[in-house]
Amino acid sequence: MGPAQHLRTDEQILVWFANAVEAIGETTPWVLQDYPLALTCQLSVPIIAAIMEAHPSCVMLKAEDWPGLEKISALRRLQAEGTLRPFSILTANGGMFLDLEYWRGTNGSMTGYAFPDMLVDLYRLQAAGERDAAHDLFDAHLPLRRFVSLLESASAIPYARYA
């Protein structure tokens, strides 16, 4: 669930999510989508934390801020301190920052990149701590990744109207 485009204040965002969760039922699992480029709504780290704490039925964050690396690190720090409950963080953005996002603590990605073997190998290398090899693999795919991302971006803005 991503916030409505007209939301601007923290209070509006929190009320919108409270109403959305009430509508779907408090026990229905859901995913919080943080995609300001398309949704035009900014979710700060404190707001994401407040949403997660207020709604235990939110089981995952789909982190699509551009690039959002500091936001991922900040959320994982709060979890490590015990001030924020655990939840999964998956990223998207076509995998443009995937090699760096894993090191920030993400659990994986939901990218539409058409080379799943590379994605699996990248995850395997990251999990094994082979950071240089992971970067080399990612860099080899980066020119194609950027081209695909341009194609995806061209279709993302009209989609946001229906999200």
Protein backbone atom coordinates (compact mmCIF):
# COMPACT_ATOMS: atom_id res chain seq x y z
CA MET A 1 0.00 0.00 0.00
CA GLY A 2 1.39 3.34 -0.99
CA PRO A 3 0.05 6.60 0.38
CA ALA A 4 -2.30 8.76 -1.67
CA GLN A 5 -0.58 11.44 -3.74
CA HIS A 6 -2.30 14.36 -2.04
CA LEU A 7 -0.84 13.67 1.40
CA ARG A 8 1.70 16.23 2.57
CA THR A 9 1.88 16.28 6.38
CA ASP A 10 2.93 13.54 8.78
CA GLU A 11 -0.50 13.66 10.42
CA GLN A 12 -2.27 13.21 7.06
CA ILE A 13 -0.06 10.23 6.24
CA LEU A 14 -0.64 8.52 9.61
CA VAL A 15 -4.41 9.05 9.43
CA TRP A 16 -4.53 7.76 5.85
CA PHE A 17 -2.75 4.53 6.82
CA ALA A 18 -4.92 4.07 9.92
CA ASN A 19 -8.01 4.34 7.71
CA ALA A 20 -6.56 2.01 5.08
CA VAL A 21 -5.71 -0.66 7.66
CA GLU A 22 -9.17 -0.34 9.19
CA ALA A 23 -10.66 -0.86 5.71
CA ILE A 24 -8.69 -4.04 4.95
CA GLY A 25 -8.80 -5.41 8.50
CA GLU A 26 -6.15 -5.22 11.17
CA THR A 27 -5.06 -8.83 10.65
CA THR A 28 -4.59 -8.60 6.89
CA PRO A 29 -0.86 -8.61 6.06
CA TRP A 30 0.24 -5.74 3.84
CA VAL A 31 3.34 -4.07 2.42
CA LEU A 32 4.26 -0.40 2.84
CA GLN A 33 5.48 1.05 -0.44
CA ASP A 34 7.88 3.99 -0.16
CA TYR A 35 8.08 5.29 -3.73
CA PRO A 36 8.18 9.09 -3.65
CA LEU A 37 9.16 9.47 -7.31
CA ALA A 38 5.82 8.07 -8.45
CA LEU A 39 3.57 8.59 -5.44
CA THR A 40 4.84 12.14 -4.70
CA CYS A 41 4.51 11.51 -0.97
CA GLN A 42 7.63 11.63 1.21
CA LEU A 43 7.88 9.01 3.95
CA SER A 44 10.60 9.94 6.44
CA VAL A 45 12.30 7.41 8.70
CA PRO A 46 10.22 8.54 11.72
CA ILE A 47 6.98 8.21 9.72
CA ILE A 48 7.89 4.75 8.45
CA ALA A 49 8.74 3.73 12.02
CA ALA A 50 5.44 5.18 13.30
CA ILE A 51 3.47 3.31 10.63
CA MET A 52 5.27 0.05 11.42
CA GLU A 53 4.69 0.44 15.15
CA ALA A 54 1.03 1.41 14.77
CA HIS A 55 0.24 -1.42 12.34
CA PRO A 56 1.78 -4.82 13.15
CA SER A 57 -0.01 -6.21 10.09
CA CYS A 58 2.50 -4.35 7.91
CA VAL A 59 5.02 -7.09 7.26
CA MET A 60 7.40 -5.48 4.81
CA LEU A 61 8.74 -2.23 3.41
CA LYS A 62 9.18 -1.98 -0.34
CA ALA A 63 11.91 0.67 -0.34
CA GLU A 64 11.91 2.58 -3.61
CA ASP A 65 13.24 5.97 -2.56
CA TRP A 66 15.98 7.12 -4.91
CA PRO A 67 18.46 5.82 -3.82
CA GLY A 68 17.29 5.59 -0.22
CA LEU A 69 20.46 3.99 1.12
CA GLU A 70 20.61 6.19 4.23
CA LYS A 71 16.93 5.51 4.94
CA ILE A 72 17.53 1.74 4.85
CA SER A 73 20.52 2.10 7.18
CA ALA A 74 18.58 4.31 9.59
CA LEU A 75 15.69 1.83 9.80
CA ARG A 76 18.06 -1.08 10.42
CA ARG A 77 19.84 0.95 13.15
CA LEU A 78 16.51 1.52 14.91
CA GLN A 79 15.84 -2.21 14.73
CA ALA A 80 19.30 -3.05 16.08
CA GLU A 81 18.71 -0.64 18.99
CA GLY A 82 15.42 -2.38 19.74
CA THR A 83 13.33 0.74 19.17
CA LEU A 84 11.69 -0.60 16.00
CA ARG A 85 10.22 -4.05 15.47
CA PRO A 86 11.71 -6.34 12.83
CA PHE A 87 10.26 -6.36 9.30
CA SER A 88 11.57 -7.25 5.88
CA ILE A 89 12.90 -4.62 3.52
CA LEU A 90 12.86 -5.38 -0.18
CA THR A 91 14.01 -2.88 -2.77
CA ALA A 92 13.07 -2.20 -6.35
CA ASN A 93 14.10 0.73 -8.57
CA GLY A 94 14.99 -1.81 -11.21
CA GLY A 95 17.92 -2.97 -9.12
CA MET A 96 19.88 0.23 -9.82
CA PHE A 97 21.43 0.26 -6.33
CA LEU A 98 21.08 -3.41 -5.46
CA ASP A 99 24.75 -4.05 -4.78
CA LEU A 100 24.78 -1.28 -2.18
CA GLU A 101 21.33 -1.98 -0.75
CA TYR A 102 22.28 -5.50 0.40
CA TRP A 103 25.10 -4.05 2.48
CA ARG A 104 22.63 -1.66 4.11
CA GLY A 105 20.57 -4.59 5.35
CA THR A 106 17.88 -5.32 2.79
CA ASN A 107 16.45 -8.80 2.50
CA GLY A 108 16.27 -8.84 -1.28
CA SER A 109 14.68 -7.09 -4.20
CA MET A 110 11.50 -7.04 -6.20
CA THR A 111 13.09 -5.81 -9.39
CA GLY A 112 11.81 -6.57 -12.85
CA TYR A 113 15.36 -6.99 -14.15
CA ALA A 114 15.17 -9.74 -16.75
CA PHE A 115 18.32 -11.61 -15.69
CA PRO A 116 17.34 -13.60 -12.59
CA ASP A 117 20.55 -15.63 -12.69
CA MET A 118 22.54 -12.43 -12.07
CA LEU A 119 20.22 -11.46 -9.22
CA VAL A 120 20.64 -14.88 -7.58
CA ASP A 121 24.42 -14.80 -8.03
CA LEU A 122 24.60 -11.27 -6.65
CA TYR A 123 22.62 -12.26 -3.56
CA ARG A 124 24.79 -15.37 -3.09
CA LEU A 125 27.98 -13.33 -3.30
CA GLN A 126 26.64 -10.73 -0.88
CA ALA A 127 25.56 -13.40 1.60
CA ALA A 128 29.02 -14.99 1.39
CA GLY A 129 30.66 -11.64 2.14
CA GLU A 130 32.31 -11.49 -1.28
CA ARG A 131 31.73 -7.78 -1.70
CA ASP A 132 34.28 -7.13 -4.47
CA ALA A 133 33.00 -10.03 -6.58
CA ALA A 134 29.42 -8.83 -6.04
CA HIS A 135 30.34 -5.31 -7.18
CA ASP A 136 32.14 -6.71 -10.25
CA LEU A 137 29.10 -8.77 -11.22
CA PHE A 138 26.77 -5.81 -10.66
CA ASP A 139 29.03 -3.45 -12.63
CA ALA A 140 29.11 -5.85 -15.59
CA HIS A 141 25.32 -5.60 -15.80
CA LEU A 142 25.05 -1.89 -15.06
CA PRO A 143 24.90 -0.56 -18.66
CA LEU A 144 22.01 -2.90 -19.50
CA ARG A 145 20.44 -2.24 -16.10
CA ARG A 146 20.43 1.52 -16.79
CA PHE A 147 18.89 1.01 -20.23
CA VAL A 148 16.12 -1.18 -18.83
CA SER A 149 15.55 1.35 -16.05
CA LEU A 150 14.98 4.10 -18.63
CA LEU A 151 12.34 1.95 -20.30
CA GLU A 152 10.69 1.23 -16.95
CA SER A 153 10.74 4.89 -15.96
CA ALA A 154 8.94 5.89 -19.12
CA SER A 155 6.01 3.70 -18.12
CA ALA A 156 6.09 4.31 -14.32
CA ILE A 157 4.64 7.80 -14.21
CA PRO A 158 1.31 6.97 -15.88
CA TYR A 159 1.06 3.89 -13.63
CA ALA A 160 1.31 6.08 -10.53
CA ARG A 161 -2.10 7.58 -11.33
CA TYR A 162 -3.67 4.18 -10.67
CA ALA A 163 -1.58 3.08 -7.67
